[in-house]
C-alpha atoms as a PDB file:
ATOM      1  CA  UNK A   1      11.943  -8.124 -22.521  1.00  0.00           C
ATOM      2  CA  UNK A   2      15.589  -7.282 -21.784  1.00  0.00           C
ATOM      3  CA  UNK A   3      16.790  -7.893 -18.265  1.00  0.00           C
ATOM      4  CA  UNK A   4      17.502  -4.096 -17.853  1.00  0.00           C
ATOM      5  CA  UNK A   5      13.564  -3.431 -18.452  1.00  0.00           C
ATOM      6  CA  UNK A   6      11.103  -3.627 -15.580  1.00  0.00           C
ATOM      7  CA  UNK A   7       8.437  -6.258 -16.251  1.00  0.00           C
ATOM      8  CA  UNK A   8       5.094  -5.473 -17.058  1.00  0.00           C
ATOM      9  CA  UNK A   9       3.820  -6.704 -13.738  1.00  0.00           C
ATOM     10  CA  UNK A  10       6.344  -4.431 -11.947  1.00  0.00           C
ATOM     11  CA  UNK A  11       5.393  -1.438 -14.267  1.00  0.00           C
ATOM     12  CA  UNK A  12       1.436  -2.242 -13.365  1.00  0.00           C
ATOM     13  CA  UNK A  13       2.300  -2.555  -9.737  1.00  0.00           C
ATOM     14  CA  UNK A  14       3.802   0.821  -9.603  1.00  0.00           C
ATOM     15  CA  UNK A  15       0.720   2.225 -10.937  1.00  0.00           C
ATOM     16  CA  UNK A  16      -1.896   0.136  -9.053  1.00  0.00           C
ATOM     17  CA  UNK A  17      -0.424   0.084  -5.690  1.00  0.00           C
ATOM     18  CA  UNK A  18       1.156   3.770  -5.560  1.00  0.00           C
ATOM     19  CA  UNK A  19      -0.812   4.759  -2.728  1.00  0.00           C
ATOM     20  CA  UNK A  20      -0.434   1.839  -0.304  1.00  0.00           C
ATOM     21  CA  UNK A  21       3.201   1.063  -1.122  1.00  0.00           C
ATOM     22  CA  UNK A  22       4.516   4.501  -2.279  1.00  0.00           C
ATOM     23  CA  UNK A  23       7.799   4.111  -0.115  1.00  0.00           C
ATOM     24  CA  UNK A  24       8.904   0.877  -1.422  1.00  0.00           C
ATOM     25  CA  UNK A  25       7.605   1.497  -5.095  1.00  0.00           C
ATOM     26  CA  UNK A  26       9.667   4.662  -5.129  1.00  0.00           C
ATOM     27  CA  UNK A  27      12.859   2.450  -5.061  1.00  0.00           C
ATOM     28  CA  UNK A  28      11.764   1.072  -8.492  1.00  0.00           C
ATOM     29  CA  UNK A  29      10.372   4.102 -10.134  1.00  0.00           C
ATOM     30  CA  UNK A  30      13.138   4.398 -12.597  1.00  0.00           C
ATOM     31  CA  UNK A  31      11.905   4.760 -16.217  1.00  0.00           C
ATOM     32  CA  UNK A  32      11.839   1.855 -18.664  1.00  0.00           C
ATOM     33  CA  UNK A  33      15.006   1.110 -20.440  1.00  0.00           C
ATOM     34  CA  UNK A  34      13.043   0.770 -23.768  1.00  0.00           C
ATOM     35  CA  UNK A  35      11.509   4.117 -23.661  1.00  0.00           C
ATOM     36  CA  UNK A  36       8.023   3.241 -23.636  1.00  0.00           C
ATOM     37  CA  UNK A  37       5.200   4.901 -21.655  1.00  0.00           C
ATOM     38  CA  UNK A  38       4.692   3.170 -18.387  1.00  0.00           C
ATOM     39  CA  UNK A  39       1.118   3.978 -18.505  1.00  0.00           C
ATOM     40  CA  UNK A  40       0.400   1.851 -21.334  1.00  0.00           C
ATOM     41  CA  UNK A  41       0.553  -1.870 -22.250  1.00  0.00           C
ATOM     42  CA  UNK A  42       1.505  -3.358 -25.651  1.00  0.00           C
ATOM     43  CA  UNK A  43      -0.471  -6.466 -26.415  1.00  0.00           C
ATOM     44  CA  UNK A  44       0.308  -8.509 -29.442  1.00  0.00           C
ATOM     45  CA  UNK A  45      -2.369 -10.404 -31.207  1.00  0.00           C
ATOM     46  CA  UNK A  46      -3.622 -11.294 -34.614  1.00  0.00           C
ATOM     47  CA  UNK A  47      -5.297  -8.557 -36.929  1.00  0.00           C
ATOM     48  CA  UNK A  48      -7.047 -10.914 -39.395  1.00  0.00           C
ATOM     49  CA  UNK A  49      -9.000 -13.705 -37.607  1.00  0.00           C
ATOM     50  CA  UNK A  50     -12.629 -13.061 -37.515  1.00  0.00           C
ATOM     51  CA  UNK A  51     -14.155 -14.258 -34.435  1.00  0.00           C
ATOM     52  CA  UNK A  52     -10.800 -14.303 -32.613  1.00  0.00           C
ATOM     53  CA  UNK A  53      -8.754 -11.098 -33.353  1.00  0.00           C
ATOM     54  CA  UNK A  54      -9.355  -8.756 -36.180  1.00  0.00           C
ATOM     55  CA  UNK A  55      -8.789  -5.066 -36.675  1.00  0.00           C
ATOM     56  CA  UNK A  56     -11.901  -3.357 -38.221  1.00  0.00           C
ATOM     57  CA  UNK A  57     -12.073  -0.718 -40.743  1.00  0.00           C
ATOM     58  CA  UNK A  58     -12.486   1.953 -38.035  1.00  0.00           C
ATOM     59  CA  UNK A  59      -9.196   0.833 -36.357  1.00  0.00           C
ATOM     60  CA  UNK A  60     -11.036  -0.962 -33.499  1.00  0.00           C
ATOM     61  CA  UNK A  61     -10.183  -4.514 -32.343  1.00  0.00           C
ATOM     62  CA  UNK A  62     -12.639  -7.334 -31.564  1.00  0.00           C
ATOM     63  CA  UNK A  63     -12.850 -10.906 -31.224  1.00  0.00           C
ATOM     64  CA  UNK A  64     -12.591 -13.475 -28.339  1.00  0.00           C
ATOM     65  CA  UNK A  65      -8.676 -13.080 -27.894  1.00  0.00           C
ATOM     66  CA  UNK A  66      -9.122  -9.538 -27.802  1.00  0.00           C
ATOM     67  CA  UNK A  67     -11.781  -9.716 -25.150  1.00  0.00           C
ATOM     68  CA  UNK A  68      -9.396 -11.909 -23.248  1.00  0.00           C
ATOM     69  CA  UNK A  69      -6.350  -9.704 -23.691  1.00  0.00           C
ATOM     70  CA  UNK A  70      -8.655  -6.536 -22.634  1.00  0.00           C
ATOM     71  CA  UNK A  71      -9.812  -8.410 -19.630  1.00  0.00           C
ATOM     72  CA  UNK A  72      -6.205  -9.502 -18.432  1.00  0.00           C
ATOM     73  CA  UNK A  73      -5.159  -5.806 -19.006  1.00  0.00           C
ATOM     74  CA  UNK A  74      -7.950  -4.522 -16.909  1.00  0.00           C
ATOM     75  CA  UNK A  75      -7.139  -6.814 -13.962  1.00  0.00           C
ATOM     76  CA  UNK A  76      -3.366  -5.662 -14.239  1.00  0.00           C
ATOM     77  CA  UNK A  77      -4.456  -1.931 -14.016  1.00  0.00           C
ATOM     78  CA  UNK A  78      -4.976  -1.060 -17.555  1.00  0.00           C
ATOM     79  CA  UNK A  79      -7.932   0.861 -19.042  1.00  0.00           C
ATOM     80  CA  UNK A  80      -8.765   0.040 -22.628  1.00  0.00           C
ATOM     81  CA  UNK A  81      -7.408   3.194 -23.724  1.00  0.00           C
ATOM     82  CA  UNK A  82      -4.189   2.408 -22.248  1.00  0.00           C
ATOM     83  CA  UNK A  83      -3.877  -0.678 -24.641  1.00  0.00           C
ATOM     84  CA  UNK A  84      -1.704  -0.469 -27.746  1.00  0.00           C
ATOM     85  CA  UNK A  85      -2.288  -3.189 -30.037  1.00  0.00           C
ATOM     86  CA  UNK A  86       0.742  -4.684 -32.213  1.00  0.00           C
ATOM     87  CA  UNK A  87       0.203  -7.228 -34.894  1.00  0.00           C
ATOM     88  CA  UNK A  88       1.750 -10.682 -34.025  1.00  0.00           C
ATOM     89  CA  UNK A  89       2.352 -12.900 -36.933  1.00  0.00           C
ATOM     90  CA  UNK A  90       2.639 -16.609 -36.085  1.00  0.00           C
ATOM     91  CA  UNK A  91       6.341 -16.651 -37.132  1.00  0.00           C
ATOM     92  CA  UNK A  92       7.350 -13.637 -35.241  1.00  0.00           C
ATOM     93  CA  UNK A  93       5.685 -14.114 -31.923  1.00  0.00           C
ATOM     94  CA  UNK A  94       8.729 -15.308 -30.047  1.00  0.00           C
ATOM     95  CA  UNK A  95      10.928 -12.728 -31.441  1.00  0.00           C
ATOM     96  CA  UNK A  96       8.396  -9.882 -30.421  1.00  0.00           C
ATOM     97  CA  UNK A  97       8.419 -11.073 -26.799  1.00  0.00           C
ATOM     98  CA  UNK A  98      12.130 -11.607 -26.481  1.00  0.00           C
ATOM     99  CA  UNK A  99      12.943  -8.184 -28.213  1.00  0.00           C
ATOM    100  CA  UNK A 100      10.440  -6.385 -25.568  1.00  0.00           C
ATOM    101  CA  UNK A 101       8.306  -5.113 -28.410  1.00  0.00           C
ATOM    102  CA  UNK A 102       5.161  -6.509 -26.625  1.00  0.00           C
ATOM    103  CA  UNK A 103       4.146  -7.120 -22.864  1.00  0.00           C
ATOM    104  CA  UNK A 104       2.343 -10.223 -23.796  1.00  0.00           C
ATOM    105  CA  UNK A 105       0.617 -11.945 -26.604  1.00  0.00           C
ATOM    106  CA  UNK A 106      -3.134 -13.199 -27.062  1.00  0.00           C
ATOM    107  CA  UNK A 107      -3.220 -14.738 -30.538  1.00  0.00           C
ATOM    108  CA  UNK A 108      -3.975 -18.231 -31.036  1.00  0.00           C
ATOM    109  CA  UNK A 109      -0.823 -19.008 -29.547  1.00  0.00           C
ATOM    110  CA  UNK A 110      -0.464 -22.827 -28.876  1.00  0.00           C
ATOM    111  CA  UNK A 111       1.549 -23.829 -25.823  1.00  0.00           C
ATOM    112  CA  UNK A 112       4.406 -26.072 -27.164  1.00  0.00           C
ATOM    113  CA  UNK A 113       7.438 -27.567 -25.599  1.00  0.00           C
ATOM    114  CA  UNK A 114       9.565 -26.021 -28.303  1.00  0.00           C
ATOM    115  CA  UNK A 115       8.229 -22.476 -27.812  1.00  0.00           C
ATOM    116  CA  UNK A 116       8.586 -23.017 -23.964  1.00  0.00           C
ATOM    117  CA  UNK A 117      12.230 -22.951 -24.456  1.00  0.00           C
ATOM    118  CA  UNK A 118      12.194 -19.238 -25.590  1.00  0.00           C
ATOM    119  CA  UNK A 119       9.104 -17.780 -23.935  1.00  0.00           C
ATOM    120  CA  UNK A 120       6.745 -18.717 -20.969  1.00  0.00           C
ATOM    121  CA  UNK A 121       3.116 -19.072 -21.049  1.00  0.00           C
ATOM    122  CA  UNK A 122      -0.078 -18.185 -18.901  1.00  0.00           C
ATOM    123  CA  UNK A 123      -3.123 -20.442 -19.300  1.00  0.00           C
ATOM    124  CA  UNK A 124      -4.246 -22.117 -21.247  1.00  0.00           C
ATOM    125  CA  UNK A 125      -7.236 -20.143 -21.678  1.00  0.00           C
ATOM    126  CA  UNK A 126      -8.823 -22.067 -24.581  1.00  0.00           C
ATOM    127  CA  UNK A 127      -8.512 -25.746 -26.103  1.00  0.00           C
ATOM    128  CA  UNK A 128      -9.543 -26.223 -29.595  1.00  0.00           C
ATOM    129  CA  UNK A 129      -8.234 -28.571 -32.468  1.00  0.00           C
ATOM    130  CA  UNK A 130      -6.769 -28.635 -35.781  1.00  0.00           C
ATOM    131  CA  UNK A 131      -9.076 -28.937 -38.937  1.00  0.00           C
ATOM    132  CA  UNK A 132      -9.765 -28.290 -42.572  1.00  0.00           C
ATOM    133  CA  UNK A 133     -11.462 -25.296 -44.458  1.00  0.00           C
ATOM    134  CA  UNK A 134     -12.676 -25.944 -48.017  1.00  0.00           C
ATOM    135  CA  UNK A 135     -14.858 -24.526 -50.471  1.00  0.00           C
ATOM    136  CA  UNK A 136     -18.611 -25.152 -49.962  1.00  0.00           C
ATOM    137  CA  UNK A 137     -18.776 -27.469 -53.272  1.00  0.00           C
ATOM    138  CA  UNK A 138     -15.767 -29.455 -52.205  1.00  0.00           C
ATOM    139  CA  UNK A 139     -16.607 -33.330 -51.912  1.00  0.00           C
ATOM    140  CA  UNK A 140     -13.434 -35.165 -52.171  1.00  0.00           C
ATOM    141  CA  UNK A 141     -11.360 -33.767 -49.141  1.00  0.00           C
ATOM    142  CA  UNK A 142     -12.861 -35.391 -45.828  1.00  0.00           C
ATOM    143  CA  UNK A 143      -9.574 -35.130 -43.689  1.00  0.00           C
ATOM    144  CA  UNK A 144      -5.891 -34.891 -43.666  1.00  0.00           C
ATOM    145  CA  UNK A 145      -5.195 -38.194 -45.179  1.00  0.00           C
ATOM    146  CA  UNK A 146      -7.526 -37.217 -48.412  1.00  0.00           C
ATOM    147  CA  UNK A 147      -5.072 -34.335 -49.090  1.00  0.00           C
ATOM    148  CA  UNK A 148      -2.429 -36.541 -50.398  1.00  0.00           C
ATOM    149  CA  UNK A 149      -4.323 -37.045 -53.567  1.00  0.00           C
ATOM    150  CA  UNK A 150      -2.360 -34.027 -55.478  1.00  0.00           C
ATOM    151  CA  UNK A 151      -4.410 -31.556 -53.323  1.00  0.00           C
ATOM    152  CA  UNK A 152      -2.787 -28.178 -52.396  1.00  0.00           C
ATOM    153  CA  UNK A 153      -2.970 -27.242 -48.648  1.00  0.00           C
ATOM    154  CA  UNK A 154      -2.370 -23.663 -47.220  1.00  0.00           C
ATOM    155  CA  UNK A 155      -1.199 -22.873 -43.686  1.00  0.00           C
ATOM    156  CA  UNK A 156       0.832 -20.113 -42.092  1.00  0.00           C
ATOM    157  CA  UNK A 157       4.659 -20.003 -41.900  1.00  0.00           C
ATOM    158  CA  UNK A 158       5.703 -20.647 -38.126  1.00  0.00           C
ATOM    159  CA  UNK A 159       2.303 -22.090 -37.017  1.00  0.00           C
ATOM    160  CA  UNK A 160       1.810 -25.425 -35.215  1.00  0.00           C
ATOM    161  CA  UNK A 161      -0.729 -26.476 -37.755  1.00  0.00           C
ATOM    162  CA  UNK A 162       1.996 -26.230 -40.574  1.00  0.00           C
ATOM    163  CA  UNK A 163       4.490 -28.042 -38.599  1.00  0.00           C
ATOM    164  CA  UNK A 164       2.031 -30.755 -37.953  1.00  0.00           C
ATOM    165  CA  UNK A 165       1.441 -31.425 -41.616  1.00  0.00           C
ATOM    166  CA  UNK A 166       5.144 -31.452 -42.338  1.00  0.00           C
ATOM    167  CA  UNK A 167       5.552 -34.098 -39.548  1.00  0.00           C
ATOM    168  CA  UNK A 168       2.728 -36.355 -39.757  1.00  0.00           C
ATOM    169  CA  UNK A 169       1.469 -35.818 -43.554  1.00  0.00           C
ATOM    170  CA  UNK A 170       4.733 -35.616 -45.414  1.00  0.00           C
ATOM    171  CA  UNK A 171       2.769 -36.571 -48.553  1.00  0.00           C
ATOM    172  CA  UNK A 172       0.591 -33.445 -48.536  1.00  0.00           C
ATOM    173  CA  UNK A 173       1.614 -30.559 -50.627  1.00  0.00           C
ATOM    174  CA  UNK A 174       1.829 -27.489 -48.270  1.00  0.00           C
ATOM    175  CA  UNK A 175       1.669 -23.953 -49.414  1.00  0.00           C
ATOM    176  CA  UNK A 176       2.813 -21.526 -46.609  1.00  0.00           C
ATOM    177  CA  UNK A 177       1.568 -17.988 -46.325  1.00  0.00           C
ATOM    178  CA  UNK A 178       2.164 -15.051 -44.001  1.00  0.00           C
ATOM    179  CA  UNK A 179      -1.468 -14.963 -42.750  1.00  0.00           C
ATOM    180  CA  UNK A 180      -4.509 -17.043 -42.672  1.00  0.00           C
ATOM    181  CA  UNK A 181      -6.496 -14.368 -44.509  1.00  0.00           C
ATOM    182  CA  UNK A 182      -4.168 -14.835 -47.343  1.00  0.00           C
ATOM    183  CA  UNK A 183      -4.721 -18.512 -47.249  1.00  0.00           C
ATOM    184  CA  UNK A 184      -8.689 -17.998 -47.274  1.00  0.00           C
ATOM    185  CA  UNK A 185      -8.073 -15.824 -50.354  1.00  0.00           C
ATOM    186  CA  UNK A 186      -6.247 -18.429 -52.005  1.00  0.00           C
ATOM    187  CA  UNK A 187      -8.905 -20.842 -51.252  1.00  0.00           C
ATOM    188  CA  UNK A 188     -11.447 -18.579 -52.683  1.00  0.00           C
ATOM    189  CA  UNK A 189      -9.438 -17.850 -55.870  1.00  0.00           C
ATOM    190  CA  UNK A 190      -8.811 -21.684 -56.380  1.00  0.00           C
ATOM    191  CA  UNK A 191      -5.262 -21.258 -55.940  1.00  0.00           C
ATOM    192  CA  UNK A 192      -5.327 -24.028 -53.121  1.00  0.00           C
ATOM    193  CA  UNK A 193      -7.767 -26.662 -52.241  1.00  0.00           C
ATOM    194  CA  UNK A 194      -7.975 -26.402 -48.566  1.00  0.00           C
ATOM    195  CA  UNK A 195      -6.712 -24.323 -45.512  1.00  0.00           C
ATOM    196  CA  UNK A 196      -5.657 -25.727 -42.276  1.00  0.00           C
ATOM    197  CA  UNK A 197      -5.466 -24.513 -38.784  1.00  0.00           C
ATOM    198  CA  UNK A 198      -7.510 -24.543 -35.465  1.00  0.00           C
ATOM    199  CA  UNK A 199     -11.213 -24.964 -35.911  1.00  0.00           C
ATOM    200  CA  UNK A 200     -12.107 -22.018 -33.846  1.00  0.00           C
ATOM    201  CA  UNK A 201      -9.927 -19.988 -36.363  1.00  0.00           C
ATOM    202  CA  UNK A 202     -11.840 -21.439 -39.410  1.00  0.00           C
ATOM    203  CA  UNK A 203     -15.300 -21.209 -37.760  1.00  0.00           C
ATOM    204  CA  UNK A 204     -14.704 -17.470 -37.834  1.00  0.00           C
ATOM    205  CA  UNK A 205     -14.140 -17.425 -41.818  1.00  0.00           C
ATOM    206  CA  UNK A 206     -17.149 -19.572 -42.175  1.00  0.00           C
ATOM    207  CA  UNK A 207     -19.198 -17.289 -40.154  1.00  0.00           C
ATOM    208  CA  UNK A 208     -18.355 -14.494 -42.547  1.00  0.00           C
ATOM    209  CA  UNK A 209     -18.997 -16.518 -45.857  1.00  0.00           C
ATOM    210  CA  UNK A 210     -21.244 -19.570 -44.907  1.00  0.00           C
ATOM    211  CA  UNK A 211     -22.265 -20.079 -48.596  1.00  0.00           C
ATOM    212  CA  UNK A 212     -18.708 -20.237 -49.768  1.00  0.00           C
ATOM    213  CA  UNK A 213     -16.862 -22.186 -47.142  1.00  0.00           C
ATOM    214  CA  UNK A 214     -17.275 -25.008 -44.770  1.00  0.00           C
ATOM    215  CA  UNK A 215     -15.141 -26.926 -42.199  1.00  0.00           C
ATOM    216  CA  UNK A 216     -14.876 -30.653 -42.942  1.00  0.00           C
ATOM    217  CA  UNK A 217     -13.794 -33.645 -41.005  1.00  0.00           C
ATOM    218  CA  UNK A 218     -12.916 -34.158 -37.224  1.00  0.00           C
ATOM    219  CA  UNK A 219     -10.386 -32.084 -35.484  1.00  0.00           C
ATOM    220  CA  UNK A 220      -7.150 -34.046 -35.608  1.00  0.00           C
ATOM    221  CA  UNK A 221      -5.052 -32.379 -32.729  1.00  0.00           C
ATOM    222  CA  UNK A 222      -5.462 -30.669 -29.397  1.00  0.00           C
ATOM    223  CA  UNK A 223      -4.234 -26.950 -29.414  1.00  0.00           C
ATOM    224  CA  UNK A 224      -3.902 -25.240 -25.916  1.00  0.00           C
ATOM    225  CA  UNK A 225      -3.970 -21.596 -26.318  1.00  0.00           C
ATOM    226  CA  UNK A 226      -1.918 -19.605 -23.948  1.00  0.00           C
ATOM    227  CA  UNK A 227      -0.782 -15.972 -23.291  1.00  0.00           C
ATOM    228  CA  UNK A 228       3.016 -15.784 -24.259  1.00  0.00           C
ATOM    229  CA  UNK A 229       5.274 -13.447 -22.220  1.00  0.00           C
ATOM    230  CA  UNK A 230       9.005 -13.043 -21.210  1.00  0.00           C
ATOM    231  CA  UNK A 231      10.534 -16.159 -20.053  1.00  0.00           C
ATOM    232  CA  UNK A 232      11.348 -15.991 -16.362  1.00  0.00           C
ATOM    233  CA  UNK A 233       8.766 -13.369 -15.468  1.00  0.00           C
ATOM    234  CA  UNK A 234       6.850 -15.281 -12.930  1.00  0.00           C
ATOM    235  CA  UNK A 235       5.232 -12.325 -11.371  1.00  0.00           C
ATOM    236  CA  UNK A 236       3.538 -11.598 -14.574  1.00  0.00           C
ATOM    237  CA  UNK A 237       2.529 -15.257 -15.507  1.00  0.00           C
ATOM    238  CA  UNK A 238       1.014 -15.646 -12.081  1.00  0.00           C
ATOM    239  CA  UNK A 239      -1.237 -12.431 -12.177  1.00  0.00           C
ATOM    240  CA  UNK A 240      -2.184 -13.233 -15.855  1.00  0.00           C
ATOM    241  CA  UNK A 241      -3.238 -16.802 -14.598  1.00  0.00           C
ATOM    242  CA  UNK A 242      -5.283 -15.188 -11.798  1.00  0.00           C
ATOM    243  CA  UNK A 243      -6.933 -12.961 -14.209  1.00  0.00           C
ATOM    244  CA  UNK A 244      -7.846 -15.667 -16.437  1.00  0.00           C
ATOM    245  CA  UNK A 245      -9.176 -17.645 -13.640  1.00  0.00           C
ATOM    246  CA  UNK A 246     -11.388 -14.764 -12.628  1.00  0.00           C
ATOM    247  CA  UNK A 247     -12.610 -14.264 -16.126  1.00  0.00           C
ATOM    248  CA  UNK A 248     -13.709 -17.996 -16.168  1.00  0.00           C
ATOM    249  CA  UNK A 249     -15.280 -17.685 -12.997  1.00  0.00           C
ATOM    250  CA  UNK A 250     -17.402 -14.400 -13.279  1.00  0.00           C
ATOM    251  CA  UNK A 251     -19.109 -15.478 -16.640  1.00  0.00           C
ATOM    252  CA  UNK A 252     -17.130 -13.077 -18.684  1.00  0.00           C
ATOM    253  CA  UNK A 253     -15.195 -15.798 -20.368  1.00  0.00           C
ATOM    254  CA  UNK A 254     -18.383 -17.720 -21.496  1.00  0.00           C
ATOM    255  CA  UNK A 255     -19.863 -14.407 -22.604  1.00  0.00           C
ATOM    256  CA  UNK A 256     -16.943 -13.475 -24.596  1.00  0.00           C
ATOM    257  CA  UNK A 257     -16.867 -16.935 -26.379  1.00  0.00           C
ATOM    258  CA  UNK A 258     -20.656 -16.839 -27.292  1.00  0.00           C
ATOM    259  CA  UNK A 259     -20.446 -13.338 -28.410  1.00  0.00           C
ATOM    260  CA  UNK A 260     -17.619 -13.935 -30.824  1.00  0.00           C
ATOM    261  CA  UNK A 261     -17.891 -17.485 -31.921  1.00  0.00           C
ATOM    262  CA  UNK A 262     -21.409 -18.447 -31.059  1.00  0.00           C
ATOM    263  CA  UNK A 263     -22.497 -17.310 -34.492  1.00  0.00           C
ATOM    264  CA  UNK A 264     -20.393 -19.802 -36.040  1.00  0.00           C
ATOM    265  CA  UNK A 265     -22.185 -22.686 -34.510  1.00  0.00           C
ATOM    266  CA  UNK A 266     -19.254 -23.863 -32.252  1.00  0.00           C
ATOM    267  CA  UNK A 267     -20.545 -25.122 -28.863  1.00  0.00           C
ATOM    268  CA  UNK A 268     -19.209 -23.210 -25.967  1.00  0.00           C
ATOM    269  CA  UNK A 269     -16.667 -25.444 -24.366  1.00  0.00           C
ATOM    270  CA  UNK A 270     -15.743 -25.684 -20.575  1.00  0.00           C
ATOM    271  CA  UNK A 271     -12.968 -23.318 -19.848  1.00  0.00           C
ATOM    272  CA  UNK A 272      -9.693 -25.279 -19.402  1.00  0.00           C
ATOM    273  CA  UNK A 273      -7.802 -25.599 -16.083  1.00  0.00           C
ATOM    274  CA  UNK A 274      -4.812 -23.531 -15.685  1.00  0.00           C
ATOM    275  CA  UNK A 275      -1.422 -25.107 -15.774  1.00  0.00           C
ATOM    276  CA  UNK A 276       0.327 -25.510 -12.419  1.00  0.00           C
ATOM    277  CA  UNK A 277       3.769 -24.004 -13.207  1.00  0.00           C
END
């Protein structure tokens, strides 16, 4: 967010500690420079990833990332009705954070050194790996190397999986779309031969259409999902980390994973250790 705008943690702090620290907090009770309601939190996530973050027909949000985001918001002092959800496509995430359009992003956001030059991360809250999604009758594609035989692969613009294919498998014909749902639709329509992203994302699509789709091969990367936030906001970063650790310890993390991704046949992993920043 802009430097003139109080951080989410400071906005939360004014709400949650008003009674105990009324005098001190009164000094920082000026309105946010972005004109947003201080009683709401704006969370960026995906709207089209089954099992992780999807906007349902009734407008509600569901998925593992959504449950993590809600838990963190609760620990920061926000009720579910105080949350404003904002779609955060892969290629726009850093911009959304830097422009102050979101308070934080929980949306299959891999922690990378390049991204850490522009934003900070709390977490990681989940570790997964890149894999391949194909049609259920596909037999030739067994891993990324097999895609070099005139196969068309789809991934999302601005994503870590797309960049890895460019860097490590330059012989693969890569098609880039704005969303993974668009990639999956292209796969169903025979416009591409495979889709690549993280295994947990692909598993959500398999769970929706197990007779049409399958995941093949072994994961060929390690992706560490973090919660993206404004660079330099160590207060918010530390408090989100504390919320993630609490979610892991009280069983809510495991329950959220099993509720949202267990149906896809993925074994519940051990929650990852939080980075020591």
